[in-house]
PDB file of N, CA and C in Angstrom:
ATOM      1  N   MET A   1      -9.664  30.677  20.407  1.00  0.00           N
ATOM      2  CA  MET A   1     -11.016  29.640  20.440  1.00  0.00           C
ATOM      3  C   MET A   1     -10.639  28.405  21.811  1.00  0.00           C
ATOM      4  N   SER A   2     -11.417  28.030  22.438  1.00  0.00           N
ATOM      5  CA  SER A   2     -10.790  27.351  23.046  1.00  0.00           C
ATOM      6  C   SER A   2     -11.070  26.593  23.086  1.00  0.00           C
ATOM      7  N   TYR A   3     -10.005  24.697  23.133  1.00  0.00           N
ATOM      8  CA  TYR A   3     -10.783  23.376  23.254  1.00  0.00           C
ATOM      9  C   TYR A   3     -11.322  22.704  24.280  1.00  0.00           C
ATOM     10  N   THR A   4     -11.466  23.861  25.351  1.00  0.00           N
ATOM     11  CA  THR A   4     -11.020  22.996  26.758  1.00  0.00           C
ATOM     12  C   THR A   4     -12.949  23.472  27.198  1.00  0.00           C
ATOM     13  N   SER A   5     -13.353  23.015  28.087  1.00  0.00           N
ATOM     14  CA  SER A   5     -14.430  23.507  29.324  1.00  0.00           C
ATOM     15  C   SER A   5     -14.631  22.669  30.681  1.00  0.00           C
ATOM     16  N   GLY A   6     -14.756  23.151  30.965  1.00  0.00           N
ATOM     17  CA  GLY A   6     -15.683  22.725  32.556  1.00  0.00           C
ATOM     18  C   GLY A   6     -14.560  22.182  33.190  1.00  0.00           C
ATOM     19  N   ARG A   7     -14.941  20.342  32.890  1.00  0.00           N
ATOM     20  CA  ARG A   7     -13.730  19.568  33.340  1.00  0.00           C
ATOM     21  C   ARG A   7     -12.530  20.240  32.825  1.00  0.00           C
ATOM     22  N   GLU A   8     -12.308  19.805  31.574  1.00  0.00           N
ATOM     23  CA  GLU A   8     -10.916  19.711  30.590  1.00  0.00           C
ATOM     24  C   GLU A   8     -10.404  20.520  31.808  1.00  0.00           C
ATOM     25  N   LYS A   9     -11.132  22.408  31.368  1.00  0.00           N
ATOM     26  CA  LYS A   9      -9.915  23.124  31.843  1.00  0.00           C
ATOM     27  C   LYS A   9      -9.881  22.651  33.392  1.00  0.00           C
ATOM     28  N   TYR A  10     -10.530  22.343  34.378  1.00  0.00           N
ATOM     29  CA  TYR A  10      -9.748  21.998  35.303  1.00  0.00           C
ATOM     30  C   TYR A  10      -8.883  20.660  35.370  1.00  0.00           C
ATOM     31  N   LEU A  11      -8.879  19.638  34.500  1.00  0.00           N
ATOM     32  CA  LEU A  11      -7.796  18.590  34.613  1.00  0.00           C
ATOM     33  C   LEU A  11      -6.415  19.659  34.072  1.00  0.00           C
ATOM     34  N   TYR A  12      -6.803  20.498  32.965  1.00  0.00           N
ATOM     35  CA  TYR A  12      -5.385  20.515  32.060  1.00  0.00           C
ATOM     36  C   TYR A  12      -4.270  22.040  32.725  1.00  0.00           C
ATOM     37  N   SER A  13      -5.890  22.456  33.976  1.00  0.00           N
ATOM     38  CA  SER A  13      -4.797  23.593  35.058  1.00  0.00           C
ATOM     39  C   SER A  13      -4.237  22.524  36.159  1.00  0.00           C
ATOM     40  N   THR A  14      -5.258  22.015  36.593  1.00  0.00           N
ATOM     41  CA  THR A  14      -4.121  21.157  37.826  1.00  0.00           C
ATOM     42  C   THR A  14      -3.164  19.577  37.691  1.00  0.00           C
ATOM     43  N   LEU A  15      -3.306  19.745  36.270  1.00  0.00           N
ATOM     44  CA  LEU A  15      -2.370  17.860  36.779  1.00  0.00           C
ATOM     45  C   LEU A  15      -0.900  18.400  35.025  1.00  0.00           C
ATOM     46  N   TYR A  16      -0.424  17.960  35.214  1.00  0.00           N
ATOM     47  CA  TYR A  16       0.467  17.858  34.368  1.00  0.00           C
ATOM     48  C   TYR A  16       1.108  16.352  33.895  1.00  0.00           C
ATOM     49  N   TYR A  17       1.007  16.196  32.669  1.00  0.00           N
ATOM     50  CA  TYR A  17       1.332  14.892  32.217  1.00  0.00           C
ATOM     51  C   TYR A  17       3.281  14.561  32.467  1.00  0.00           C
ATOM     52  N   ILE A  18       3.789  13.469  33.227  1.00  0.00           N
ATOM     53  CA  ILE A  18       4.927  13.344  33.030  1.00  0.00           C
ATOM     54  C   ILE A  18       5.577  11.597  32.654  1.00  0.00           C
ATOM     55  N   SER A  19       5.994  12.283  31.580  1.00  0.00           N
ATOM     56  CA  SER A  19       6.397  10.810  30.939  1.00  0.00           C
ATOM     57  C   SER A  19       8.594  10.224  31.187  1.00  0.00           C
ATOM     58  N   VAL A  20       8.535   9.373  30.949  1.00  0.00           N
ATOM     59  CA  VAL A  20       9.848   9.460  30.958  1.00  0.00           C
ATOM     60  C   VAL A  20      10.088   8.417  29.634  1.00  0.00           C
ATOM     61  N   VAL A  21      10.938   9.792  28.659  1.00  0.00           N
ATOM     62  CA  VAL A  21      11.313   9.060  27.329  1.00  0.00           C
ATOM     63  C   VAL A  21      13.029   9.212  27.298  1.00  0.00           C
ATOM     64  N   GLY A  22      13.334   8.320  27.083  1.00  0.00           N
ATOM     65  CA  GLY A  22      14.531   7.823  27.033  1.00  0.00           C
ATOM     66  C   GLY A  22      15.353   8.647  28.389  1.00  0.00           C
ATOM     67  N   ASP A  23      16.322   9.651  28.401  1.00  0.00           N
ATOM     68  CA  ASP A  23      16.769  10.838  29.458  1.00  0.00           C
ATOM     69  C   ASP A  23      16.028  12.202  29.197  1.00  0.00           C
ATOM     70  N   CYS A  24      14.625  12.298  28.436  1.00  0.00           N
ATOM     71  CA  CYS A  24      13.696  13.540  29.121  1.00  0.00           C
ATOM     72  C   CYS A  24      12.773  13.314  29.539  1.00  0.00           C
ATOM     73  N   VAL A  25      12.882  13.998  30.153  1.00  0.00           N
ATOM     74  CA  VAL A  25      11.233  14.152  30.525  1.00  0.00           C
ATOM     75  C   VAL A  25      10.235  15.120  29.625  1.00  0.00           C
ATOM     76  N   VAL A  26       8.904  14.600  30.162  1.00  0.00           N
ATOM     77  CA  VAL A  26       7.972  15.327  29.053  1.00  0.00           C
ATOM     78  C   VAL A  26       6.823  15.699  29.992  1.00  0.00           C
ATOM     79  N   TYR A  27       7.087  17.530  30.199  1.00  0.00           N
ATOM     80  CA  TYR A  27       5.884  18.588  30.708  1.00  0.00           C
ATOM     81  C   TYR A  27       5.032  19.319  30.571  1.00  0.00           C
ATOM     82  N   PHE A  28       3.823  19.158  30.238  1.00  0.00           N
ATOM     83  CA  PHE A  28       2.768  20.174  29.645  1.00  0.00           C
ATOM     84  C   PHE A  28       2.149  20.513  30.911  1.00  0.00           C
ATOM     85  N   SER A  29       1.481  21.360  30.136  1.00  0.00           N
ATOM     86  CA  SER A  29       0.381  22.183  31.179  1.00  0.00           C
ATOM     87  C   SER A  29      -0.662  22.891  30.260  1.00  0.00           C
ATOM     88  N   ASP A  30      -0.674  22.739  29.250  1.00  0.00           N
ATOM     89  CA  ASP A  30      -2.267  22.748  27.678  1.00  0.00           C
ATOM     90  C   ASP A  30      -1.784  22.039  26.925  1.00  0.00           C
ATOM     91  N   ILE A  31      -3.532  21.704  26.477  1.00  0.00           N
ATOM     92  CA  ILE A  31      -3.025  20.979  24.802  1.00  0.00           C
ATOM     93  C   ILE A  31      -3.768  21.850  24.098  1.00  0.00           C
ATOM     94  N   ARG A  32      -3.197  21.611  22.666  1.00  0.00           N
ATOM     95  CA  ARG A  32      -3.982  22.644  21.598  1.00  0.00           C
ATOM     96  C   ARG A  32      -4.211  21.552  20.320  1.00  0.00           C
ATOM     97  N   PRO A  33      -4.351  22.002  19.480  1.00  0.00           N
ATOM     98  CA  PRO A  33      -4.594  21.510  18.201  1.00  0.00           C
ATOM     99  C   PRO A  33      -3.992  22.345  17.109  1.00  0.00           C
ATOM    100  N   THR A  34      -2.943  21.675  16.226  1.00  0.00           N
ATOM    101  CA  THR A  34      -2.749  22.531  15.672  1.00  0.00           C
ATOM    102  C   THR A  34      -3.419  22.294  14.502  1.00  0.00           C
ATOM    103  N   GLU A  35      -3.771  23.279  13.328  1.00  0.00           N
ATOM    104  CA  GLU A  35      -4.427  23.745  12.155  1.00  0.00           C
ATOM    105  C   GLU A  35      -4.115  22.304  11.162  1.00  0.00           C
ATOM    106  N   HIS A  36      -3.531  22.154  11.102  1.00  0.00           N
ATOM    107  CA  HIS A  36      -2.851  20.543   9.689  1.00  0.00           C
ATOM    108  C   HIS A  36      -3.809  19.481  10.875  1.00  0.00           C
ATOM    109  N   TYR A  37      -4.268  18.955  12.282  1.00  0.00           N
ATOM    110  CA  TYR A  37      -4.987  18.026  13.277  1.00  0.00           C
ATOM    111  C   TYR A  37      -6.684  18.919  12.518  1.00  0.00           C
ATOM    112  N   LEU A  38      -6.520  19.961  12.929  1.00  0.00           N
ATOM    113  CA  LEU A  38      -8.068  20.569  12.899  1.00  0.00           C
ATOM    114  C   LEU A  38      -8.695  20.521  10.988  1.00  0.00           C
ATOM    115  N   GLU A  39      -7.630  20.541  10.099  1.00  0.00           N
ATOM    116  CA  GLU A  39      -8.117  20.478   8.889  1.00  0.00           C
ATOM    117  C   GLU A  39      -8.391  18.986   8.103  1.00  0.00           C
ATOM    118  N   ASN A  40      -7.392  18.268   9.051  1.00  0.00           N
ATOM    119  CA  ASN A  40      -6.855  16.490   8.272  1.00  0.00           C
ATOM    120  C   ASN A  40      -7.301  15.862   9.015  1.00  0.00           C
ATOM    121  N   HIS A  41      -7.558  16.041  10.183  1.00  0.00           N
ATOM    122  CA  HIS A  41      -7.138  14.628  11.296  1.00  0.00           C
ATOM    123  C   HIS A  41      -8.449  15.035  12.329  1.00  0.00           C
ATOM    124  N   SER A  42      -9.241  15.459  12.311  1.00  0.00           N
ATOM    125  CA  SER A  42     -10.774  16.141  12.912  1.00  0.00           C
ATOM    126  C   SER A  42     -10.750  15.077  13.307  1.00  0.00           C
ATOM    127  N   HIS A  43     -11.514  14.815  12.128  1.00  0.00           N
ATOM    128  CA  HIS A  43     -12.838  13.993  11.741  1.00  0.00           C
ATOM    129  C   HIS A  43     -12.278  12.448  11.239  1.00  0.00           C
ATOM    130  N   ASP A  44     -10.918  12.027  11.382  1.00  0.00           N
ATOM    131  CA  ASP A  44     -11.151  10.476  11.974  1.00  0.00           C
ATOM    132  C   ASP A  44     -10.810  10.078  13.939  1.00  0.00           C
ATOM    133  N   VAL A  45     -10.342  11.274  14.012  1.00  0.00           N
ATOM    134  CA  VAL A  45     -10.209  10.875  15.769  1.00  0.00           C
ATOM    135  C   VAL A  45     -10.365  12.571  16.740  1.00  0.00           C
ATOM    136  N   SER A  46     -11.788  12.309  16.869  1.00  0.00           N
ATOM    137  CA  SER A  46     -11.870  13.284  17.843  1.00  0.00           C
ATOM    138  C   SER A  46     -11.121  13.338  18.814  1.00  0.00           C
ATOM    139  N   TRP A  47     -11.175  15.108  19.178  1.00  0.00           N
ATOM    140  CA  TRP A  47     -10.541  15.527  19.744  1.00  0.00           C
ATOM    141  C   TRP A  47     -10.943  15.542  21.558  1.00  0.00           C
ATOM    142  N   ASP A  48     -11.758  14.672  21.815  1.00  0.00           N
ATOM    143  CA  ASP A  48     -11.999  14.050  22.792  1.00  0.00           C
ATOM    144  C   ASP A  48     -11.019  12.533  23.404  1.00  0.00           C
ATOM    145  N   LYS A  49     -10.829  11.757  21.920  1.00  0.00           N
ATOM    146  CA  LYS A  49     -10.298  10.770  22.172  1.00  0.00           C
ATOM    147  C   LYS A  49      -9.154  10.872  22.117  1.00  0.00           C
ATOM    148  N   VAL A  50      -8.448  12.018  21.686  1.00  0.00           N
ATOM    149  CA  VAL A  50      -6.985  12.476  21.053  1.00  0.00           C
ATOM    150  C   VAL A  50      -6.913  13.017  22.609  1.00  0.00           C
ATOM    151  N   VAL A  51      -7.424  13.614  23.688  1.00  0.00           N
ATOM    152  CA  VAL A  51      -6.484  13.800  24.340  1.00  0.00           C
ATOM    153  C   VAL A  51      -6.899  12.821  26.129  1.00  0.00           C
ATOM    154  N   GLU A  52      -7.854  11.914  25.332  1.00  0.00           N
ATOM    155  CA  GLU A  52      -8.050  10.501  26.183  1.00  0.00           C
ATOM    156  C   GLU A  52      -6.987   9.472  26.058  1.00  0.00           C
ATOM    157  N   ILE A  53      -6.577   9.459  24.650  1.00  0.00           N
ATOM    158  CA  ILE A  53      -5.052   8.685  24.230  1.00  0.00           C
ATOM    159  C   ILE A  53      -3.509   9.798  25.625  1.00  0.00           C
ATOM    160  N   ILE A  54      -3.154  10.969  25.015  1.00  0.00           N
ATOM    161  CA  ILE A  54      -3.046  10.939  25.389  1.00  0.00           C
ATOM    162  C   ILE A  54      -2.414  11.407  26.905  1.00  0.00           C
ATOM    163  N   PHE A  55      -3.136  11.247  28.123  1.00  0.00           N
ATOM    164  CA  PHE A  55      -2.906  11.107  29.279  1.00  0.00           C
ATOM    165  C   PHE A  55      -3.332   9.828  29.984  1.00  0.00           C
ATOM    166  N   THR A  56      -4.059   8.592  28.914  1.00  0.00           N
ATOM    167  CA  THR A  56      -3.809   7.360  29.539  1.00  0.00           C
ATOM    168  C   THR A  56      -2.479   6.843  28.843  1.00  0.00           C
ATOM    169  N   THR A  57      -1.702   7.392  28.187  1.00  0.00           N
ATOM    170  CA  THR A  57      -0.449   6.247  27.490  1.00  0.00           C
ATOM    171  C   THR A  57       0.663   7.292  28.274  1.00  0.00           C
ATOM    172  N   LYS A  58       1.253   6.222  28.533  1.00  0.00           N
ATOM    173  CA  LYS A  58       2.613   6.199  29.302  1.00  0.00           C
ATOM    174  C   LYS A  58       3.813   6.305  28.562  1.00  0.00           C
ATOM    175  N   ASN A  59       4.975   6.837  28.263  1.00  0.00           N
ATOM    176  CA  ASN A  59       6.566   6.517  27.452  1.00  0.00           C
ATOM    177  C   ASN A  59       5.638   6.584  26.317  1.00  0.00           C
ATOM    178  N   PRO A  60       5.657   7.657  25.305  1.00  0.00           N
ATOM    179  CA  PRO A  60       5.220   8.017  23.815  1.00  0.00           C
ATOM    180  C   PRO A  60       6.889   8.423  23.495  1.00  0.00           C
ATOM    181  N   ARG A  61       7.170   8.046  22.019  1.00  0.00           N
ATOM    182  CA  ARG A  61       8.234   7.293  21.770  1.00  0.00           C
ATOM    183  C   ARG A  61       8.843   9.048  21.186  1.00  0.00           C
ATOM    184  N   LYS A  62       9.749   9.288  21.323  1.00  0.00           N
ATOM    185  CA  LYS A  62      11.138  10.562  20.768  1.00  0.00           C
ATOM    186  C   LYS A  62      10.980  10.569  19.348  1.00  0.00           C
ATOM    187  N   LYS A  63      10.584  11.375  18.186  1.00  0.00           N
ATOM    188  CA  LYS A  63      10.931  10.914  16.987  1.00  0.00           C
ATOM    189  C   LYS A  63      11.633  12.451  16.170  1.00  0.00           C
ATOM    190  N   GLY A  64      12.542  13.071  16.029  1.00  0.00           N
ATOM    191  CA  GLY A  64      13.262  14.429  16.147  1.00  0.00           C
ATOM    192  C   GLY A  64      12.467  15.241  17.235  1.00  0.00           C
ATOM    193  N   ASN A  65      12.503  15.820  17.010  1.00  0.00           N
ATOM    194  CA  ASN A  65      12.092  16.810  17.717  1.00  0.00           C
ATOM    195  C   ASN A  65      10.452  16.801  18.698  1.00  0.00           C
ATOM    196  N   ASN A  66      10.080  15.673  17.800  1.00  0.00           N
ATOM    197  CA  ASN A  66       8.158  15.728  18.085  1.00  0.00           C
ATOM    198  C   ASN A  66       8.860  13.854  18.736  1.00  0.00           C
ATOM    199  N   PHE A  67       7.128  13.983  19.784  1.00  0.00           N
ATOM    200  CA  PHE A  67       6.599  12.373  19.824  1.00  0.00           C
ATOM    201  C   PHE A  67       5.687  11.566  19.542  1.00  0.00           C
ATOM    202  N   GLU A  68       5.812  10.332  19.508  1.00  0.00           N
ATOM    203  CA  GLU A  68       4.745  10.062  18.791  1.00  0.00           C
ATOM    204  C   GLU A  68       3.970   8.948  19.577  1.00  0.00           C
ATOM    205  N   ILE A  69       2.994   8.874  20.063  1.00  0.00           N
ATOM    206  CA  ILE A  69       2.067   7.184  20.672  1.00  0.00           C
ATOM    207  C   ILE A  69       1.230   6.502  19.573  1.00  0.00           C
ATOM    208  N   GLU A  70       1.544   5.182  19.521  1.00  0.00           N
ATOM    209  CA  GLU A  70       0.701   4.626  18.649  1.00  0.00           C
ATOM    210  C   GLU A  70       0.337   3.038  19.863  1.00  0.00           C
ATOM    211  N   THR A  71      -1.405   3.635  19.787  1.00  0.00           N
ATOM    212  CA  THR A  71      -1.766   2.094  21.040  1.00  0.00           C
ATOM    213  C   THR A  71      -1.815   1.173  19.694  1.00  0.00           C
ATOM    214  N   ASP A  72      -3.234   0.124  19.664  1.00  0.00           N
ATOM    215  CA  ASP A  72      -4.118  -1.064  18.736  1.00  0.00           C
ATOM    216  C   ASP A  72      -4.687  -0.675  17.965  1.00  0.00           C
ATOM    217  N   LYS A  73      -5.277   1.029  18.518  1.00  0.00           N
ATOM    218  CA  LYS A  73      -6.226   1.627  16.974  1.00  0.00           C
ATOM    219  C   LYS A  73      -5.824   3.037  16.855  1.00  0.00           C
ATOM    220  N   TYR A  74      -4.770   3.354  17.472  1.00  0.00           N
ATOM    221  CA  TYR A  74      -4.791   5.236  17.036  1.00  0.00           C
ATOM    222  C   TYR A  74      -3.646   5.308  17.251  1.00  0.00           C
ATOM    223  N   TYR A  75      -3.045   6.054  16.169  1.00  0.00           N
ATOM    224  CA  TYR A  75      -1.551   6.291  16.009  1.00  0.00           C
ATOM    225  C   TYR A  75      -1.691   8.002  16.380  1.00  0.00           C
ATOM    226  N   LEU A  76      -0.878   8.809  17.150  1.00  0.00           N
ATOM    227  CA  LEU A  76      -0.857  10.709  16.932  1.00  0.00           C
ATOM    228  C   LEU A  76       0.777  11.242  17.055  1.00  0.00           C
ATOM    229  N   LEU A  77       1.198  11.768  16.607  1.00  0.00           N
ATOM    230  CA  LEU A  77       2.243  12.785  16.608  1.00  0.00           C
ATOM    231  C   LEU A  77       1.940  14.255  17.358  1.00  0.00           C
ATOM    232  N   PHE A  78       2.593  14.535  17.774  1.00  0.00           N
ATOM    233  CA  PHE A  78       2.713  15.929  18.841  1.00  0.00           C
ATOM    234  C   PHE A  78       3.832  16.005  19.036  1.00  0.00           C
ATOM    235  N   GLU A  79       3.958  18.008  19.324  1.00  0.00           N
ATOM    236  CA  GLU A  79       5.393  18.549  19.255  1.00  0.00           C
ATOM    237  C   GLU A  79       4.863  18.980  20.730  1.00  0.00           C
ATOM    238  N   ILE A  80       5.855  19.874  21.857  1.00  0.00           N
ATOM    239  CA  ILE A  80       6.067  20.523  22.728  1.00  0.00           C
ATOM    240  C   ILE A  80       6.456  21.389  22.726  1.00  0.00           C
ATOM    241  N   LYS A  81       5.805  22.599  22.830  1.00  0.00           N
ATOM    242  CA  LYS A  81       6.386  24.198  22.389  1.00  0.00           C
ATOM    243  C   LYS A  81       6.083  25.377  23.996  1.00  0.00           C
ATOM    244  N   ASP A  82       6.724  25.095  24.436  1.00  0.00           N
ATOM    245  CA  ASP A  82       6.469  26.681  25.798  1.00  0.00           C
ATOM    246  C   ASP A  82       5.461  25.663  26.792  1.00  0.00           C
ATOM    247  N   ASP A  83       5.778  24.694  26.545  1.00  0.00           N
ATOM    248  CA  ASP A  83       5.310  24.142  28.495  1.00  0.00           C
ATOM    249  C   ASP A  83       3.280  23.657  27.428  1.00  0.00           C
ATOM    250  N   VAL A  84       2.960  24.063  26.505  1.00  0.00           N
ATOM    251  CA  VAL A  84       2.128  23.752  25.590  1.00  0.00           C
ATOM    252  C   VAL A  84       2.225  22.247  24.887  1.00  0.00           C
ATOM    253  N   LEU A  85       1.637  21.339  24.761  1.00  0.00           N
ATOM    254  CA  LEU A  85       1.574  20.014  23.518  1.00  0.00           C
ATOM    255  C   LEU A  85       0.715  20.116  22.668  1.00  0.00           C
ATOM    256  N   TYR A  86       0.985  19.988  21.692  1.00  0.00           N
ATOM    257  CA  TYR A  86       0.458  20.103  20.145  1.00  0.00           C
ATOM    258  C   TYR A  86       0.088  19.304  19.254  1.00  0.00           C
ATOM    259  N   VAL A  87      -1.047  18.764  18.773  1.00  0.00           N
ATOM    260  CA  VAL A  87      -0.843  17.917  18.686  1.00  0.00           C
ATOM    261  C   VAL A  87      -1.615  18.189  17.491  1.00  0.00           C
ATOM    262  N   ILE A  88      -0.574  17.459  16.615  1.00  0.00           N
ATOM    263  CA  ILE A  88      -0.097  17.504  15.069  1.00  0.00           C
ATOM    264  C   ILE A  88      -0.820  16.580  13.821  1.00  0.00           C
ATOM    265  N   ASN A  89      -0.918  15.095  14.188  1.00  0.00           N
ATOM    266  CA  ASN A  89      -1.126  14.132  13.602  1.00  0.00           C
ATOM    267  C   ASN A  89      -2.346  13.349  14.876  1.00  0.00           C
ATOM    268  N   ALA A  90      -3.265  12.755  14.410  1.00  0.00           N
ATOM    269  CA  ALA A  90      -4.081  11.644  14.766  1.00  0.00           C
ATOM    270  C   ALA A  90      -4.452  11.439  13.597  1.00  0.00           C
ATOM    271  N   LYS A  91      -4.300   9.787  13.963  1.00  0.00           N
ATOM    272  CA  LYS A  91      -5.077   8.528  12.493  1.00  0.00           C
ATOM    273  C   LYS A  91      -5.374   7.882  13.698  1.00  0.00           C
ATOM    274  N   VAL A  92      -6.848   6.628  12.485  1.00  0.00           N
ATOM    275  CA  VAL A  92      -6.965   5.046  12.933  1.00  0.00           C
ATOM    276  C   VAL A  92      -6.064   4.365  12.670  1.00  0.00           C
ATOM    277  N   ARG A  93      -5.646   3.490  13.304  1.00  0.00           N
ATOM    278  CA  ARG A  93      -4.828   2.063  12.208  1.00  0.00           C
ATOM    279  C   ARG A  93      -5.767   1.657  12.254  1.00  0.00           C
ATOM    280  N   LYS A  94      -5.426   1.067  10.620  1.00  0.00           N
ATOM    281  CA  LYS A  94      -6.133  -0.273  10.147  1.00  0.00           C
ATOM    282  C   LYS A  94      -4.515  -1.506   9.444  1.00  0.00           C
TER     283      LYS A  94
END
């Protein structure tokens, strides 16, 4: 199942998100939801919003083997494996 279409496919195929996190640089060429996100979090934060947050937020924090992004309104947790960013968790902050 593909979660990209039209404009997003073009973005994902041509853009690489680069962010300096501590001593490492984060690269990925695709974004995919995990089953956990789909089952537990997709109703709270839409996929379009998750992708927007990832591409507009610089400097995610490293948390163990994962990364997190916190904005005024949202919290995202993701991991990167084999150049693919997998969204694990997306919540609206209260």
